[in-house]
C-alpha atoms as a PDB file:
ATOM      1  CA  MET A   1       9.806 -50.938 -24.844  1.00  0.00           C
ATOM      2  CA  LYS A   2      10.085 -48.491 -21.972  1.00  0.00           C
ATOM      3  CA  SER A   3       7.032 -46.317 -21.436  1.00  0.00           C
ATOM      4  CA  LEU A   4       7.456 -42.575 -21.389  1.00  0.00           C
ATOM      5  CA  MET A   5       7.715 -41.017 -17.977  1.00  0.00           C
ATOM      6  CA  THR A   6       4.896 -38.725 -16.978  1.00  0.00           C
ATOM      7  CA  GLN A   7       5.612 -35.052 -16.448  1.00  0.00           C
ATOM      8  CA  LYS A   8       5.186 -35.562 -12.700  1.00  0.00           C
ATOM      9  CA  GLN A   9       7.621 -38.506 -12.655  1.00  0.00           C
ATOM     10  CA  GLN A  10      10.212 -36.431 -14.531  1.00  0.00           C
ATOM     11  CA  ILE A  11       9.884 -33.584 -12.015  1.00  0.00           C
ATOM     12  CA  HIS A  12       9.978 -36.009  -9.085  1.00  0.00           C
ATOM     13  CA  ASN A  13      13.101 -37.759 -10.424  1.00  0.00           C
ATOM     14  CA  GLN A  14      14.879 -34.493 -11.184  1.00  0.00           C
ATOM     15  CA  TYR A  15      14.256 -33.237  -7.631  1.00  0.00           C
ATOM     16  CA  LEU A  16      15.484 -36.562  -6.212  1.00  0.00           C
ATOM     17  CA  GLN A  17      18.657 -36.215  -8.316  1.00  0.00           C
ATOM     18  CA  ILE A  18      19.204 -32.604  -7.188  1.00  0.00           C
ATOM     19  CA  LEU A  19      18.898 -33.662  -3.547  1.00  0.00           C
ATOM     20  CA  GLN A  20      21.176 -36.683  -4.018  1.00  0.00           C
ATOM     21  CA  ASP A  21      23.799 -34.436  -5.654  1.00  0.00           C
ATOM     22  CA  LYS A  22      23.532 -32.003  -2.723  1.00  0.00           C
ATOM     23  CA  ILE A  23      23.917 -34.850  -0.229  1.00  0.00           C
ATOM     24  CA  ASP A  24      27.012 -36.141  -2.068  1.00  0.00           C
ATOM     25  CA  VAL A  25      28.603 -32.679  -2.133  1.00  0.00           C
ATOM     26  CA  PHE A  26      27.945 -32.064   1.583  1.00  0.00           C
ATOM     27  CA  GLN A  27      29.315 -35.506   2.497  1.00  0.00           C
ATOM     28  CA  ASP A  28      32.456 -34.869   0.430  1.00  0.00           C
ATOM     29  CA  MET A  29      32.960 -31.431   2.018  1.00  0.00           C
ATOM     30  CA  ILE A  30      32.501 -32.836   5.533  1.00  0.00           C
ATOM     31  CA  SER A  31      34.963 -35.675   4.981  1.00  0.00           C
ATOM     32  CA  SER A  32      37.442 -33.238   3.427  1.00  0.00           C
ATOM     33  CA  LEU A  33      37.174 -30.956   6.469  1.00  0.00           C
ATOM     34  CA  THR A  34      37.568 -33.949   8.792  1.00  0.00           C
ATOM     35  CA  GLU A  35      40.720 -34.958   6.928  1.00  0.00           C
ATOM     36  CA  ASP A  36      42.070 -31.374   7.031  1.00  0.00           C
ATOM     37  CA  SER A  37      41.482 -31.093  10.772  1.00  0.00           C
ATOM     38  CA  LEU A  38      43.231 -34.426  11.390  1.00  0.00           C
ATOM     39  CA  ASN A  39      46.225 -33.374   9.274  1.00  0.00           C
ATOM     40  CA  ASP A  40      46.245 -29.962  10.930  1.00  0.00           C
ATOM     41  CA  ALA A  41      46.162 -31.509  14.409  1.00  0.00           C
ATOM     42  CA  LYS A  42      49.334 -33.484  13.664  1.00  0.00           C
ATOM     43  CA  GLY A  43      51.548 -30.553  12.759  1.00  0.00           C
ATOM     44  CA  SER A  44      50.462 -27.437  14.654  1.00  0.00           C
ATOM     45  CA  ALA A  45      50.287 -26.002  18.096  1.00  0.00           C
ATOM     46  CA  GLY A  46      49.261 -22.716  19.664  1.00  0.00           C
ATOM     47  CA  ASP A  47      46.403 -20.229  19.424  1.00  0.00           C
ATOM     48  CA  LYS A  48      46.347 -20.026  15.611  1.00  0.00           C
ATOM     49  CA  HIS A  49      45.943 -23.789  15.497  1.00  0.00           C
ATOM     50  CA  GLU A  50      43.050 -23.717  17.988  1.00  0.00           C
ATOM     51  CA  THR A  51      41.283 -20.960  16.016  1.00  0.00           C
ATOM     52  CA  GLY A  52      41.699 -22.905  12.790  1.00  0.00           C
ATOM     53  CA  LEU A  53      40.271 -26.043  14.338  1.00  0.00           C
ATOM     54  CA  SER A  54      37.331 -24.090  15.792  1.00  0.00           C
ATOM     55  CA  MET A  55      36.574 -22.577  12.396  1.00  0.00           C
ATOM     56  CA  MET A  56      36.715 -26.010  10.752  1.00  0.00           C
ATOM     57  CA  HIS A  57      34.452 -27.434  13.446  1.00  0.00           C
ATOM     58  CA  LEU A  58      31.894 -24.642  12.948  1.00  0.00           C
ATOM     59  CA  GLU A  59      31.978 -25.179   9.195  1.00  0.00           C
ATOM     60  CA  GLN A  60      31.488 -28.911   9.731  1.00  0.00           C
ATOM     61  CA  GLU A  61      28.437 -28.245  11.934  1.00  0.00           C
ATOM     62  CA  LYS A  62      26.919 -25.942   9.263  1.00  0.00           C
ATOM     63  CA  LEU A  63      27.499 -28.540   6.560  1.00  0.00           C
ATOM     64  CA  SER A  64      26.060 -31.286   8.767  1.00  0.00           C
ATOM     65  CA  ALA A  65      22.874 -29.244   9.266  1.00  0.00           C
ATOM     66  CA  LYS A  66      22.562 -28.704   5.500  1.00  0.00           C
ATOM     67  CA  LEU A  67      23.208 -32.403   4.916  1.00  0.00           C
ATOM     68  CA  ARG A  68      20.465 -33.363   7.405  1.00  0.00           C
ATOM     69  CA  GLU A  69      18.012 -30.968   5.716  1.00  0.00           C
ATOM     70  CA  ALA A  70      18.746 -32.387   2.251  1.00  0.00           C
ATOM     71  CA  MET A  71      18.357 -35.950   3.561  1.00  0.00           C
ATOM     72  CA  GLU A  72      15.015 -35.069   5.215  1.00  0.00           C
ATOM     73  CA  GLN A  73      13.764 -33.546   1.949  1.00  0.00           C
ATOM     74  CA  LYS A  74      14.882 -36.635   0.032  1.00  0.00           C
ATOM     75  CA  ASN A  75      13.062 -38.871   2.549  1.00  0.00           C
ATOM     76  CA  ILE A  76       9.857 -36.869   2.008  1.00  0.00           C
ATOM     77  CA  LEU A  77      10.181 -37.216  -1.772  1.00  0.00           C
ATOM     78  CA  GLU A  78      10.936 -40.935  -1.589  1.00  0.00           C
ATOM     79  CA  LYS A  79       7.689 -41.508   0.333  1.00  0.00           C
ATOM     80  CA  LEU A  80       5.575 -39.801  -2.349  1.00  0.00           C
ATOM     81  CA  ASP A  81       3.850 -41.890  -5.006  1.00  0.00           C
ATOM     82  CA  CYS A  82       4.436 -39.825  -8.142  1.00  0.00           C
ATOM     83  CA  GLU A  83       2.098 -42.064 -10.144  1.00  0.00           C
ATOM     84  CA  GLN A  84      -0.912 -41.250  -7.970  1.00  0.00           C
ATOM     85  CA  VAL A  85      -3.325 -38.780  -9.592  1.00  0.00           C
ATOM     86  CA  HIS A  86      -5.124 -36.447  -7.195  1.00  0.00           C
ATOM     87  CA  THR A  87      -8.577 -34.857  -7.519  1.00  0.00           C
ATOM     88  CA  LYS A  88      -7.827 -32.521  -4.600  1.00  0.00           C
ATOM     89  CA  VAL A  89      -4.455 -30.889  -3.970  1.00  0.00           C
ATOM     90  CA  ALA A  90      -2.412 -32.983  -1.521  1.00  0.00           C
ATOM     91  CA  LEU A  91       1.205 -33.827  -0.741  1.00  0.00           C
ATOM     92  CA  GLY A  92       2.605 -35.188  -4.015  1.00  0.00           C
ATOM     93  CA  SER A  93       0.247 -33.231  -6.303  1.00  0.00           C
ATOM     94  CA  LEU A  94       1.483 -31.468  -9.408  1.00  0.00           C
ATOM     95  CA  VAL A  95      -0.668 -28.339  -9.590  1.00  0.00           C
ATOM     96  CA  THR A  96      -0.944 -26.101 -12.627  1.00  0.00           C
ATOM     97  CA  THR A  97      -2.364 -22.640 -12.000  1.00  0.00           C
ATOM     98  CA  ASN A  98      -2.872 -19.759 -14.405  1.00  0.00           C
ATOM     99  CA  LYS A  99       0.485 -18.352 -13.169  1.00  0.00           C
ATOM    100  CA  LEU A 100       2.801 -21.268 -12.353  1.00  0.00           C
ATOM    101  CA  THR A 101       3.142 -25.013 -11.875  1.00  0.00           C
ATOM    102  CA  VAL A 102       4.096 -26.401  -8.465  1.00  0.00           C
ATOM    103  CA  TYR A 103       4.984 -29.813  -7.084  1.00  0.00           C
ATOM    104  CA  VAL A 104       3.604 -30.021  -3.546  1.00  0.00           C
ATOM    105  CA  SER A 105       6.391 -31.819  -1.688  1.00  0.00           C
ATOM    106  CA  CYS A 106       9.027 -29.692   0.049  1.00  0.00           C
ATOM    107  CA  ALA A 107      10.690 -26.340  -0.575  1.00  0.00           C
ATOM    108  CA  LEU A 108      12.931 -26.974  -3.573  1.00  0.00           C
ATOM    109  CA  PRO A 109      14.534 -24.773  -6.238  1.00  0.00           C
ATOM    110  CA  LYS A 110      12.883 -23.930  -9.541  1.00  0.00           C
ATOM    111  CA  ILE A 111      13.639 -26.442 -12.286  1.00  0.00           C
ATOM    112  CA  ALA A 112      12.933 -26.385 -16.008  1.00  0.00           C
ATOM    113  CA  ILE A 113      11.916 -29.392 -18.100  1.00  0.00           C
ATOM    114  CA  ASP A 114      11.241 -28.910 -21.809  1.00  0.00           C
ATOM    115  CA  GLY A 115      11.157 -25.135 -21.358  1.00  0.00           C
ATOM    116  CA  GLN A 116       8.505 -25.294 -18.609  1.00  0.00           C
ATOM    117  CA  ASN A 117       9.343 -24.053 -15.091  1.00  0.00           C
ATOM    118  CA  TYR A 118       8.328 -25.987 -11.984  1.00  0.00           C
ATOM    119  CA  PHE A 119       8.612 -25.064  -8.322  1.00  0.00           C
ATOM    120  CA  GLY A 120       8.823 -27.456  -5.384  1.00  0.00           C
ATOM    121  CA  ILE A 121       6.741 -26.070  -2.522  1.00  0.00           C
ATOM    122  CA  SER A 122       6.010 -27.307   0.952  1.00  0.00           C
ATOM    123  CA  PRO A 123       2.405 -27.680   2.117  1.00  0.00           C
ATOM    124  CA  GLN A 124       3.304 -25.263   4.953  1.00  0.00           C
ATOM    125  CA  SER A 125       4.322 -22.469   2.553  1.00  0.00           C
ATOM    126  CA  PRO A 126       1.847 -19.595   2.013  1.00  0.00           C
ATOM    127  CA  LEU A 127       0.983 -20.948  -1.459  1.00  0.00           C
ATOM    128  CA  GLY A 128       0.813 -24.527  -0.176  1.00  0.00           C
ATOM    129  CA  GLU A 129      -1.628 -23.517   2.562  1.00  0.00           C
ATOM    130  CA  LYS A 130      -3.847 -21.781  -0.024  1.00  0.00           C
ATOM    131  CA  ILE A 131      -4.115 -24.801  -2.330  1.00  0.00           C
ATOM    132  CA  ILE A 132      -4.040 -27.892  -0.065  1.00  0.00           C
ATOM    133  CA  GLY A 133      -7.414 -29.658  -0.236  1.00  0.00           C
ATOM    134  CA  GLN A 134      -8.644 -27.528  -3.159  1.00  0.00           C
ATOM    135  CA  LYS A 135      -9.996 -28.712  -6.526  1.00  0.00           C
ATOM    136  CA  VAL A 136      -9.675 -27.620 -10.160  1.00  0.00           C
ATOM    137  CA  ASN A 137     -11.122 -24.131 -10.836  1.00  0.00           C
ATOM    138  CA  HIS A 138     -10.499 -22.995  -7.235  1.00  0.00           C
ATOM    139  CA  GLN A 139      -9.574 -19.310  -7.268  1.00  0.00           C
ATOM    140  CA  PHE A 140      -7.586 -17.504  -4.603  1.00  0.00           C
ATOM    141  CA  GLU A 141      -5.372 -14.509  -4.067  1.00  0.00           C
ATOM    142  CA  LEU A 142      -1.859 -14.433  -2.659  1.00  0.00           C
ATOM    143  CA  ASN A 143       0.278 -11.306  -2.308  1.00  0.00           C
ATOM    144  CA  GLY A 144      -2.104  -9.368  -4.542  1.00  0.00           C
ATOM    145  CA  VAL A 145      -1.949 -11.940  -7.354  1.00  0.00           C
ATOM    146  CA  SER A 146      -5.071 -13.840  -8.468  1.00  0.00           C
ATOM    147  CA  TYR A 147      -4.596 -17.536  -9.111  1.00  0.00           C
ATOM    148  CA  GLN A 148      -6.829 -20.263 -10.468  1.00  0.00           C
ATOM    149  CA  ILE A 149      -6.112 -23.992 -10.299  1.00  0.00           C
ATOM    150  CA  ILE A 150      -6.269 -25.323 -13.859  1.00  0.00           C
ATOM    151  CA  GLU A 151      -5.059 -28.902 -13.412  1.00  0.00           C
ATOM    152  CA  ILE A 152      -4.128 -31.310 -10.634  1.00  0.00           C
ATOM    153  CA  GLN A 153      -2.073 -34.458 -11.261  1.00  0.00           C
END
């Protein structure tokens, strides 16, 4: 019988899936643009053609940058041990405060699991900097809001 996944494992896996989906979409868009530019190169000439190719090339560069970012985030997540339980907030910690629950990993969108919202934050974010190295019951203020760490996983 398969054991139930922990809350942290569920969050970790959902973020990995989101990033993999992003990577797939960017790769598809890049290969589609590459195909379009090759087809376009066969049948056109002149200034309009050059402008079109330049626009496609710029779009390809933007998509490539987004693809690299998503791959870097996925690499960070893949290196985290989501089964490790922390006593102090560190990279890979799931931190519940009186206001929100965050997964200290990299800047990722809000997700909801079983009606509970989670945020992926980077240790370099303002909130990340406030909680890294802290323990349960640590209180701090950020942007005029008072927080208290309730649980660390």
